[in-house]
Protein backbone atom coordinates (compact mmCIF):
# COMPACT_ATOMS: atom_id res chain seq x y z
CA UNK A 1 121.68 103.16 116.01
CA UNK A 2 119.77 106.23 118.31
CA UNK A 3 119.65 109.49 117.20
CA UNK A 4 120.29 112.23 119.82
CA UNK A 5 119.67 115.69 119.22
CA UNK A 6 121.40 118.44 122.01
CA UNK A 7 120.31 121.79 121.75
CA UNK A 8 122.07 124.68 124.39
CA UNK A 9 122.73 128.16 123.31
CA UNK A 10 126.28 128.11 125.00
CA UNK A 11 128.74 125.48 122.72
CA UNK A 12 131.19 124.36 125.26
CA UNK A 13 128.10 122.92 127.02
CA UNK A 14 127.27 121.09 123.71
CA UNK A 15 130.60 119.52 123.36
CA UNK A 16 130.54 118.62 126.81
CA UNK A 17 127.61 117.01 126.92
CA UNK A 18 128.57 115.32 123.75
CA UNK A 19 131.50 113.76 124.68
CA UNK A 20 130.90 112.03 127.60
CA UNK A 21 127.68 110.58 125.82
CA UNK A 22 130.11 109.26 123.40
CA UNK A 23 132.29 107.88 125.54
CA UNK A 24 129.60 106.36 127.68
CA UNK A 25 127.13 104.42 124.70
CA UNK A 26 128.15 103.40 121.10
CA UNK A 27 125.36 103.40 119.73
CA UNK A 28 124.68 107.10 119.13
CA UNK A 29 124.16 109.13 116.35
CA UNK A 30 124.82 112.46 117.56
CA UNK A 31 123.77 116.10 116.23
CA UNK A 32 123.82 119.51 117.89
CA UNK A 33 121.28 123.14 117.89
CA UNK A 34 122.38 126.28 119.06
CA UNK A 35 119.02 126.73 119.43
CA UNK A 36 115.01 126.45 119.19
CA UNK A 37 114.94 127.68 116.00
CA UNK A 38 117.28 125.37 114.91
CA UNK A 39 116.69 122.62 116.45
CA UNK A 40 112.98 122.72 114.88
CA UNK A 41 114.48 122.54 112.01
CA UNK A 42 116.99 120.09 112.31
CA UNK A 43 114.59 117.48 113.78
CA UNK A 44 112.49 117.69 110.56
CA UNK A 45 114.93 116.22 108.89
CA UNK A 46 117.78 114.57 111.51
CA UNK A 47 114.35 112.73 112.96
CA UNK A 48 115.65 111.95 116.45
CA UNK A 49 114.77 109.71 119.13
CA UNK A 50 115.83 111.47 122.37
CA UNK A 51 117.34 115.28 122.25
CA UNK A 52 118.44 117.04 125.60
CA UNK A 53 116.66 120.74 125.30
CA UNK A 54 118.20 123.70 127.63
CA UNK A 55 115.29 125.92 128.88
CA UNK A 56 116.79 128.94 128.45
CA UNK A 57 117.68 130.13 125.26
CA UNK A 58 117.63 133.47 123.56
CA UNK A 59 114.65 133.87 121.44
CA UNK A 60 112.42 130.60 122.36
CA UNK A 61 113.07 129.06 125.11
CA UNK A 62 113.28 125.06 125.14
CA UNK A 63 109.93 124.68 125.88
CA UNK A 64 108.61 126.13 123.23
CA UNK A 65 110.63 124.07 120.97
CA UNK A 66 109.59 120.86 122.86
CA UNK A 67 106.06 121.38 121.88
CA UNK A 68 106.49 122.61 118.31
CA UNK A 69 108.98 119.27 117.70
CA UNK A 70 106.30 116.68 119.66
CA UNK A 71 103.48 118.09 117.23
CA UNK A 72 105.27 116.90 114.53
CA UNK A 73 106.79 114.00 115.85
CA UNK A 74 105.15 112.69 118.80
CA UNK A 75 107.75 110.46 120.00
CA UNK A 76 110.53 111.69 120.58
CA UNK A 77 111.51 111.72 123.80
CA UNK A 78 112.94 114.77 125.75
CA UNK A 79 115.26 115.28 128.38
CA UNK A 80 114.78 119.06 129.51
CA UNK A 81 118.35 120.65 131.12
CA UNK A 82 118.44 123.92 133.34
CA UNK A 83 120.11 125.85 135.70
CA UNK A 84 117.02 126.33 138.13
CA UNK A 85 115.12 123.77 139.62
CA UNK A 86 111.64 125.23 139.97
CA UNK A 87 107.87 123.48 140.61
CA UNK A 88 106.71 126.00 137.26
CA UNK A 89 109.42 124.16 135.13
CA UNK A 90 108.80 120.62 136.75
CA UNK A 91 104.90 120.96 136.22
CA UNK A 92 105.21 122.28 132.12
CA UNK A 93 107.91 119.67 131.70
CA UNK A 94 104.99 116.76 132.50
CA UNK A 95 102.18 118.93 130.52
CA UNK A 96 104.69 118.65 128.07
CA UNK A 97 105.51 114.99 128.23
CA UNK A 98 109.50 115.64 129.03
CA UNK A 99 110.18 112.54 130.58
CA UNK A 100 113.46 113.53 132.72
CA UNK A 101 115.36 116.60 133.80
CA UNK A 102 118.61 117.53 134.51
CA UNK A 103 119.62 120.72 136.13
CA UNK A 104 122.90 122.36 135.28
CA UNK A 105 126.09 120.67 136.35
CA UNK A 106 125.28 117.80 136.44
CA UNK A 107 127.40 114.52 137.53
CA UNK A 108 128.48 111.88 134.51
CA UNK A 109 126.66 109.00 136.34
CA UNK A 110 123.72 111.55 136.30
CA UNK A 111 123.79 112.11 132.88
CA UNK A 112 125.00 108.32 131.78
CA UNK A 113 122.40 106.78 134.75
CA UNK A 114 118.86 109.15 132.59
CA UNK A 115 119.89 108.34 129.34
CA UNK A 116 120.31 104.97 129.31
CA UNK A 117 116.75 105.40 131.38
CA UNK A 118 115.47 107.02 128.55
CA UNK A 119 117.12 104.82 125.78
CA UNK A 120 115.97 101.76 127.81
CA UNK A 121 112.05 103.12 127.93
CA UNK A 122 112.63 104.27 123.59
CA UNK A 123 113.94 100.52 122.57
CA UNK A 124 111.05 99.17 124.52
CA UNK A 125 108.51 101.28 122.48
CA UNK A 126 110.06 100.33 119.77
CA UNK A 127 109.90 96.87 120.14
CA UNK A 128 106.33 97.11 121.00
CA UNK A 129 104.81 99.58 117.86
CA UNK A 130 107.00 97.11 115.55
CA UNK A 131 105.57 94.30 117.17
CA UNK A 132 102.06 95.58 116.90
CA UNK A 133 103.22 96.97 113.63
CA UNK A 134 103.61 93.51 112.39
CA UNK A 135 100.10 92.01 114.12
CA UNK A 136 98.60 94.54 112.19
CA UNK A 137 100.08 93.49 109.06
CA UNK A 138 99.44 90.20 109.76
CA UNK A 139 95.65 90.68 110.58
CA UNK A 140 95.40 92.98 107.35
CA UNK A 141 96.12 89.58 105.28
CA UNK A 142 94.00 87.08 106.97
CA UNK A 143 91.44 89.17 106.87
CA UNK A 144 91.91 90.33 103.35
CA UNK A 145 91.88 86.00 102.35
CA UNK A 146 88.82 85.91 105.23
CA UNK A 147 87.45 88.80 102.17
CA UNK A 148 87.22 86.50 99.27
CA UNK A 149 86.16 83.44 100.77
CA UNK A 150 83.14 85.51 102.05
CA UNK A 151 82.27 86.83 98.88
CA UNK A 152 82.64 83.71 96.67
CA UNK A 153 80.18 81.79 99.61
CA UNK A 154 77.96 84.91 99.08
CA UNK A 155 77.70 84.80 94.97
CA UNK A 156 77.78 81.26 94.59
CA UNK A 157 75.76 80.53 97.68
CA UNK A 158 77.66 78.50 99.56
CA UNK A 159 76.34 80.09 102.95
CA UNK A 160 75.09 77.04 104.86
CA UNK A 161 74.10 77.35 108.77
CA UNK A 162 76.47 80.19 109.16
CA UNK A 163 73.80 83.60 109.35
CA UNK A 164 75.08 86.07 106.60
CA UNK A 165 75.23 88.45 109.14
CA UNK A 166 77.59 86.92 111.34
CA UNK A 167 80.38 86.95 108.07
CA UNK A 168 79.72 90.48 107.67
CA UNK A 169 80.54 91.27 111.60
CA UNK A 170 83.25 88.87 111.47
CA UNK A 171 84.91 90.32 108.36
CA UNK A 172 84.22 93.68 110.20
CA UNK A 173 82.63 95.65 107.65
CA UNK A 174 79.20 97.08 107.91
CA UNK A 175 77.22 96.62 104.36
CA UNK A 176 74.98 99.03 103.25
CA UNK A 177 71.20 97.81 102.92
CA UNK A 178 71.88 98.44 98.66
CA UNK A 179 74.52 96.57 97.18
CA UNK A 180 75.50 95.27 93.56
CA UNK A 181 78.61 93.33 92.13
CA UNK A 182 80.77 94.12 89.44
CA UNK A 183 82.28 91.60 87.07
CA UNK A 184 86.33 92.91 86.06
CA UNK A 185 87.52 90.62 82.68
CA UNK A 186 91.11 90.90 82.40
CA UNK A 187 92.94 90.02 79.67
CA UNK A 188 94.98 86.62 80.08
CA UNK A 189 97.93 87.41 81.94
CA UNK A 190 96.75 90.14 84.27
CA UNK A 191 96.88 88.73 87.22
CA UNK A 192 99.34 90.65 88.27
CA UNK A 193 96.62 93.85 88.34
CA UNK A 194 94.55 91.74 90.90
CA UNK A 195 96.74 93.59 93.70
CA UNK A 196 96.10 97.31 92.39
CA UNK A 197 92.39 96.41 91.67
CA UNK A 198 91.58 95.34 95.54
CA UNK A 199 93.99 98.41 96.64
CA UNK A 200 91.42 101.49 94.06
CA UNK A 201 88.20 99.39 95.76
CA UNK A 202 89.79 99.99 99.09
CA UNK A 203 90.32 103.06 98.69
CA UNK A 204 86.79 103.73 98.12
CA UNK A 205 85.90 102.02 101.46
CA UNK A 206 82.88 100.61 99.64
CA UNK A 207 83.24 97.26 98.69
CA UNK A 208 84.46 93.69 99.04
CA UNK A 209 86.71 91.87 96.22
CA UNK A 210 86.27 87.88 95.32
CA UNK A 211 89.02 85.56 94.42
CA UNK A 212 90.15 86.08 90.41
CA UNK A 213 88.43 83.15 88.77
CA UNK A 214 90.22 82.94 85.68
CA UNK A 215 89.86 86.32 84.02
CA UNK A 216 86.91 87.10 86.02
CA UNK A 217 87.02 88.90 89.30
CA UNK A 218 84.07 89.58 91.50
CA UNK A 219 83.49 92.64 93.25
CA UNK A 220 80.62 93.40 95.81
CA UNK A 221 79.66 96.95 96.12
CA UNK A 222 77.50 98.76 98.50
CA UNK A 223 76.22 101.29 97.96
CA UNK A 224 76.75 105.09 98.54
CA UNK A 225 74.63 107.29 100.37
CA UNK A 226 75.78 110.80 98.50
CA UNK A 227 76.35 109.94 95.11
CA UNK A 228 73.26 107.58 92.58
CA UNK A 229 73.65 104.75 91.47
CA UNK A 230 75.03 104.93 88.19
CA UNK A 231 77.24 107.29 88.97
CA UNK A 232 79.17 105.57 92.31
CA UNK A 233 79.65 102.44 89.76
CA UNK A 234 81.02 104.30 86.47
CA UNK A 235 83.39 106.50 89.18
CA UNK A 236 84.53 103.34 90.54
CA UNK A 237 84.74 101.09 86.96
CA UNK A 238 86.96 104.32 85.46
CA UNK A 239 88.45 104.45 88.45
CA UNK A 240 90.08 100.40 87.59
CA UNK A 241 89.73 100.52 83.94
CA UNK A 242 93.36 103.03 85.04
CA UNK A 243 94.74 100.26 85.81
CA UNK A 244 94.66 99.24 82.42
CA UNK A 245 98.22 99.67 80.84
CA UNK A 246 97.40 99.20 76.99
CA UNK A 247 95.48 102.50 76.16
CA UNK A 248 92.77 101.20 74.86
CA UNK A 249 92.00 98.97 77.43
CA UNK A 250 92.28 95.97 75.70
CA UNK A 251 90.76 93.03 77.20
CA UNK A 252 89.16 94.90 80.06
CA UNK A 253 85.51 94.68 80.68
CA UNK A 254 83.01 95.69 83.39
CA UNK A 255 79.62 93.87 83.74
CA UNK A 256 77.54 95.52 86.53
CA UNK A 257 74.10 94.71 87.97
CA UNK A 258 71.58 95.38 89.26
CA UNK A 259 70.70 97.06 93.00
CA UNK A 260 69.20 94.75 96.18
CA UNK A 261 69.00 94.73 99.08
CA UNK A 262 70.11 91.46 100.59
CA UNK A 263 73.15 89.76 100.53
CA UNK A 264 70.65 86.61 99.88
CA UNK A 265 69.64 88.60 96.80
CA UNK A 266 73.57 89.37 95.65
CA UNK A 267 73.46 86.35 93.38
CA UNK A 268 71.04 87.03 91.15
CA UNK A 269 73.17 91.15 90.91
CA UNK A 270 76.82 88.71 89.97
CA UNK A 271 74.68 86.62 87.33
CA UNK A 272 74.20 90.14 85.93
CA UNK A 273 77.20 91.42 85.96
CA UNK A 274 78.23 89.03 83.91
CA UNK A 275 75.46 88.66 81.46
CA UNK A 276 76.45 92.20 81.05
CA UNK A 277 79.59 91.43 80.19
CA UNK A 278 79.03 89.66 76.88
CA UNK A 279 80.31 92.11 74.64
CA UNK A 280 83.40 93.67 75.06
CA UNK A 281 83.97 95.27 71.92
CA UNK A 282 82.07 98.09 73.36
CA UNK A 283 83.91 101.20 72.94
CA UNK A 284 83.39 102.13 76.43
CA UNK A 285 84.91 99.32 78.43
CA UNK A 286 81.74 98.88 80.83
CA UNK A 287 78.18 98.24 80.98
CA UNK A 288 75.05 98.11 83.42
CA UNK A 289 73.00 94.87 82.72
CA UNK A 290 69.69 97.52 82.87
CA UNK A 291 71.41 98.51 79.80
CA UNK A 292 70.48 94.86 77.65
CA UNK A 293 67.87 93.50 76.12
CA UNK A 294 67.09 90.75 78.19
CA UNK A 295 68.19 87.27 76.69
CA UNK A 296 64.73 85.23 77.10
CA UNK A 297 62.55 87.32 75.02
CA UNK A 298 58.88 87.14 75.49
CA UNK A 299 58.79 86.82 79.26
CA UNK A 300 58.70 89.99 81.56
CA UNK A 301 60.93 90.84 84.20
CA UNK A 302 60.78 89.12 86.55
CA UNK A 303 60.13 86.14 84.73
CA UNK A 304 63.39 86.79 82.41
CA UNK A 305 65.16 86.68 85.90
CA UNK A 306 63.76 83.52 86.76
CA UNK A 307 64.75 81.92 84.00
CA UNK A 308 68.58 83.26 83.47
CA UNK A 309 69.21 82.20 87.46
CA UNK A 310 67.47 78.77 86.60
CA UNK A 311 70.13 78.34 83.47
CA UNK A 312 72.88 79.34 85.89
CA UNK A 313 71.82 76.72 88.35
CA UNK A 314 71.92 73.96 85.66
CA UNK A 315 75.26 75.01 84.36
CA UNK A 316 76.49 74.63 87.49
CA UNK A 317 74.82 71.84 88.43
CA UNK A 318 76.31 70.09 85.89
CA UNK A 319 72.21 69.47 84.15
CA UNK A 320 73.20 69.20 80.69
CA UNK A 321 70.22 67.50 79.73
CA UNK A 322 68.72 70.58 80.72
CA UNK A 323 70.93 72.69 79.15
CA UNK A 324 70.13 70.87 75.98
CA UNK A 325 66.84 71.43 76.24
CA UNK A 326 66.90 74.81 77.54
CA UNK A 327 68.65 76.27 74.46
CA UNK A 328 66.87 74.13 71.78
CA UNK A 329 63.43 75.80 72.89
CA UNK A 330 64.68 79.13 73.08
CA UNK A 331 66.33 78.25 68.96
CA UNK A 332 62.45 76.61 68.50
CA UNK A 333 60.89 79.90 69.67
CA UNK A 334 62.62 82.26 67.55
CA UNK A 335 61.75 80.29 64.49
CA UNK A 336 57.89 80.10 65.39
CA UNK A 337 58.31 84.03 65.85
CA UNK A 338 59.65 84.59 62.94
CA UNK A 339 62.90 85.77 64.22
CA UNK A 340 66.08 87.34 62.17
CA UNK A 341 68.28 84.45 61.52
CA UNK A 342 70.74 86.87 62.15
CA UNK A 343 69.62 88.34 65.46
CA UNK A 344 68.64 84.19 67.06
CA UNK A 345 72.34 83.00 65.72
CA UNK A 346 74.05 86.07 68.07
CA UNK A 347 71.65 85.49 70.79
CA UNK A 348 72.16 81.46 71.55
CA UNK A 349 75.85 82.77 71.03
CA UNK A 350 75.59 84.11 74.19
CA UNK A 351 73.53 82.15 76.18
CA UNK A 352 76.67 79.40 75.00
CA UNK A 353 79.42 81.79 76.08
CA UNK A 354 77.52 82.28 79.42
CA UNK A 355 77.91 79.27 80.17
CA UNK A 356 81.93 78.81 78.90
CA UNK A 357 82.13 81.72 81.27
CA UNK A 358 80.39 79.90 84.54
CA UNK A 359 82.47 75.95 83.57
CA UNK A 360 85.21 78.58 84.00
CA UNK A 361 84.58 79.43 87.69
CA UNK A 362 84.31 75.96 88.51
CA UNK A 363 87.83 75.11 86.68
CA UNK A 364 86.19 73.42 83.38
CA UNK A 365 88.52 74.89 81.05
CA UNK A 366 86.80 74.60 77.27
CA UNK A 367 87.54 76.30 74.32
CA UNK A 368 85.76 79.55 73.01
CA UNK A 369 82.55 78.78 72.21
CA UNK A 370 81.85 80.61 68.21
CA UNK A 371 80.10 79.92 65.13
CA UNK A 372 82.11 78.80 62.21
CA UNK A 373 80.21 80.42 59.31
CA UNK A 374 76.73 82.20 59.41
CA UNK A 375 73.81 80.15 59.70
CA UNK A 376 71.63 79.96 56.13
CA UNK A 377 68.58 78.51 58.06
CA UNK A 378 67.69 77.62 62.24
CA UNK A 379 68.64 74.05 61.26
CA UNK A 380 71.81 74.95 61.38
CA UNK A 381 71.88 76.85 64.37
CA UNK A 382 70.04 73.93 65.90
CA UNK A 383 73.20 71.16 64.68
CA UNK A 384 76.53 74.29 64.84
CA UNK A 385 74.67 74.94 68.73
CA UNK A 386 74.26 71.07 69.80
CA UNK A 387 78.16 70.55 68.61
CA UNK A 388 79.18 73.30 70.63
CA UNK A 389 77.89 71.83 73.69
CA UNK A 390 78.54 68.75 73.50
CA UNK A 391 81.84 69.77 73.15
CA UNK A 392 81.59 71.76 76.75
CA UNK A 393 80.06 68.92 78.20
CA UNK A 394 82.71 66.79 77.17
CA UNK A 395 85.71 68.77 79.16
CA UNK A 396 83.18 69.33 81.81
CA UNK A 397 82.60 65.48 82.04
CA UNK A 398 86.43 65.05 82.29
CA UNK A 399 87.28 67.53 84.38
CA UNK A 400 84.62 65.51 87.02
CA UNK A 401 86.37 62.19 86.00
CA UNK A 402 89.66 63.50 87.25
CA UNK A 403 88.66 64.84 90.52
CA UNK A 404 89.24 61.81 92.95
CA UNK A 405 87.14 59.88 95.15
CA UNK A 406 88.21 60.98 98.20
CA UNK A 407 89.18 64.61 97.58
CA UNK A 408 87.12 66.01 99.90
CA UNK A 409 88.82 64.24 102.50
CA UNK A 410 92.33 65.65 101.62
CA UNK A 411 90.68 69.02 101.43
CA UNK A 412 89.76 68.73 105.12
CA UNK A 413 93.19 66.84 105.88
CA UNK A 414 94.50 69.97 104.47
CA UNK A 415 92.89 72.73 106.44
CA UNK A 416 92.98 70.42 109.51
CA UNK A 417 97.21 70.64 109.05
CA UNK A 418 96.80 74.19 108.49
CA UNK A 419 94.16 75.32 110.00
CA UNK A 420 97.37 77.75 112.11
CA UNK A 421 98.57 79.30 109.19
CA UNK A 422 96.46 82.52 107.12
CA UNK A 423 94.84 79.83 103.75
CA UNK A 424 92.25 80.76 102.11
CA UNK A 425 89.69 78.82 99.42
CA UNK A 426 92.27 79.65 97.04
CA UNK A 427 95.28 78.59 98.33
CA UNK A 428 93.85 74.87 99.32
CA UNK A 429 92.38 75.31 95.29
CA UNK A 430 96.03 75.64 93.92
CA UNK A 431 97.37 72.28 96.65
CA UNK A 432 94.34 70.01 95.11
CA UNK A 433 93.82 71.67 91.81
CA UNK A 434 90.62 72.20 92.11
CA UNK A 435 88.78 76.05 91.81
CA UNK A 436 88.17 77.74 94.64
CA UNK A 437 84.12 77.54 94.20
CA UNK A 438 83.92 73.89 93.43
CA UNK A 439 85.64 73.19 96.96
CA UNK A 440 83.00 76.04 99.11
CA UNK A 441 80.60 74.00 96.86
CA UNK A 442 81.70 70.24 98.11
CA UNK A 443 81.43 71.59 101.67
CA UNK A 444 78.18 72.27 101.15
CA UNK A 445 76.17 69.76 99.39
CA UNK A 446 78.94 66.61 101.26
CA UNK A 447 79.26 68.40 104.63
CA UNK A 448 76.47 70.38 105.16
CA UNK A 449 78.64 73.26 106.25
CA UNK A 450 80.77 75.85 104.71
CA UNK A 451 84.28 76.62 104.68
CA UNK A 452 85.04 78.97 106.86
CA UNK A 453 82.89 77.58 109.82
CA UNK A 454 84.50 74.32 109.22
CA UNK A 455 88.29 75.77 109.06
CA UNK A 456 87.10 77.37 112.93
CA UNK A 457 86.06 74.42 114.12
CA UNK A 458 89.28 73.77 113.90
CA UNK A 459 91.05 76.35 115.21
CA UNK A 460 88.77 76.30 118.27
CA UNK A 461 89.37 72.46 118.84
CA UNK A 462 93.13 73.35 119.05
CA UNK A 463 92.56 75.66 121.53
CA UNK A 464 91.05 73.31 123.27
CA UNK A 465 93.97 71.32 123.37
CA UNK A 466 96.23 73.84 124.45
CA UNK A 467 93.92 75.55 127.18
CA UNK A 468 95.34 72.68 129.19
CA UNK A 469 98.28 73.57 129.55
CA UNK A 470 98.39 76.33 132.21
CA UNK A 471 102.16 78.16 131.21
CA UNK A 472 100.44 79.26 127.85
CA UNK A 473 98.77 82.58 127.88
CA UNK A 474 95.47 83.03 125.57
CA UNK A 475 97.40 85.42 123.95
CA UNK A 476 99.85 82.33 123.06
CA UNK A 477 97.55 80.00 122.36
CA UNK A 478 95.48 82.62 120.00
CA UNK A 479 98.33 83.09 118.20
CA UNK A 480 99.30 79.44 117.72
CA UNK A 481 95.54 78.21 116.34
CA UNK A 482 95.69 80.74 113.80
CA UNK A 483 94.14 84.13 114.98
CA UNK A 484 95.44 88.09 115.14
CA UNK A 485 93.79 89.82 117.68
CA UNK A 486 93.00 87.80 121.32
CA UNK A 487 89.37 90.33 121.01
CA UNK A 488 88.84 88.90 117.82
CA UNK A 489 89.88 84.93 118.89
CA UNK A 490 87.50 85.57 122.21
CA UNK A 491 84.50 86.54 119.95
CA UNK A 492 84.68 83.48 117.77
CA UNK A 493 85.25 81.35 120.98
CA UNK A 494 82.15 82.45 122.68
CA UNK A 495 80.38 82.05 119.91
CA UNK A 496 81.25 78.94 118.77
CA UNK A 497 81.21 77.74 122.22
CA UNK A 498 78.43 79.81 123.99
CA UNK A 499 81.35 80.85 126.77
CA UNK A 500 84.58 83.17 126.98
CA UNK A 501 87.58 81.24 126.18
CA UNK A 502 88.76 82.33 130.19
CA UNK A 503 85.69 81.19 131.40
CA UNK A 504 85.94 77.85 129.49
CA UNK A 505 89.61 77.39 130.60
CA UNK A 506 87.99 78.23 134.23
CA UNK A 507 86.27 75.58 134.34
CA UNK A 508 88.74 73.61 132.35
CA UNK A 509 91.49 73.84 135.32
CA UNK A 510 89.11 73.45 138.11
């Protein structure tokens, strides 16, 4: 129902106009104001779609009232009413955006015709506004899904053949030169916090949020120029921790990796952020990687980072022989150096804990690795460590044994059939029972392209087929293939096909 406000200082004029409108229109809610000041107050609460405004009123002219109402609500339409049809009035009405002008006394049919015309304009604009709003919501949802997929591929090095700058450009965000990663650990059953965390990061305007892997949520944060690194990271960490439901934030912890210049190096910051979460019992629920002692003592910082990165690759690659050897060499070194037994057990425990974390990313669920006793010698550390590693390897082997041989074909088929929808690695993972990271890894290793590239290819191929129908507009095709913005579709099409969709279609139908 449309809302209409009649503003006139003469009661008889207001009542007469209301009677005409009520007789001819059933979809109007009508209220009256006796002068401009009352009209301004009523407009604030009543929120009219259309206002009949008398020009000559005591105290405040109709034009003054229009200007003030318009300042608070620019979508209101105005029809001015006056006993004097002068050029100056008409000129001022046009300047204020008044849509029509009636001279007293007006014929009933003239009033009805004018109102019908203006109500039609309002209805058309409202439909257009609602459509645009729905498009924006759909686009925002699609970009959020795209954001999580880009984060997954950046952090796990699954970006292949699609240049990183292009991914950033497609996401519509300008990445700062310096960036770092925060890993948020959530308590079990806290998946509901994901949306709230995303909103916190979005409010900060400084990061991309990845997908939730088990209890782990990675965030790529772009350095702010008006804060130091530690100030920015600490502030964002504290804001995220305000979402913890319990008073002490039990189960919540945030690890913060170091700063790196390029997106190619961001994976190192992610690994550092994960290492920084190894001790979640600290009173402060966030920790910087730079504040930790190194995992592999006795090496300089660069060599240590290389060792840590290599260990992560062993786990992700399922290279169990190398994992056993790596940890065994560490225990041997501790023993040769005369390291305190409790300290050595703790450091090995940290590596086992990281192993279980990385396996969890891949969808491999295993029991948390804990020593059942305090070792009395290095022989016991070796035996118990091997036992825990064997349990994790067994979980890894069982997980992979359950994977069907043709799983990549199932994933491809699912994408082909659903490419027109807002699908993501998460959605595909739920469909085929695999982690998003593992699916991304499969694409890189078995197909030589990344998931986003394959999804884009499917959409572009469907668009080419639809372009053969001359009855379909480019806008219709854009929506049918899964995009929400014709300009964005055109940009992607040109990037993939080296020709604009309009030019391609012209050649096709020539």
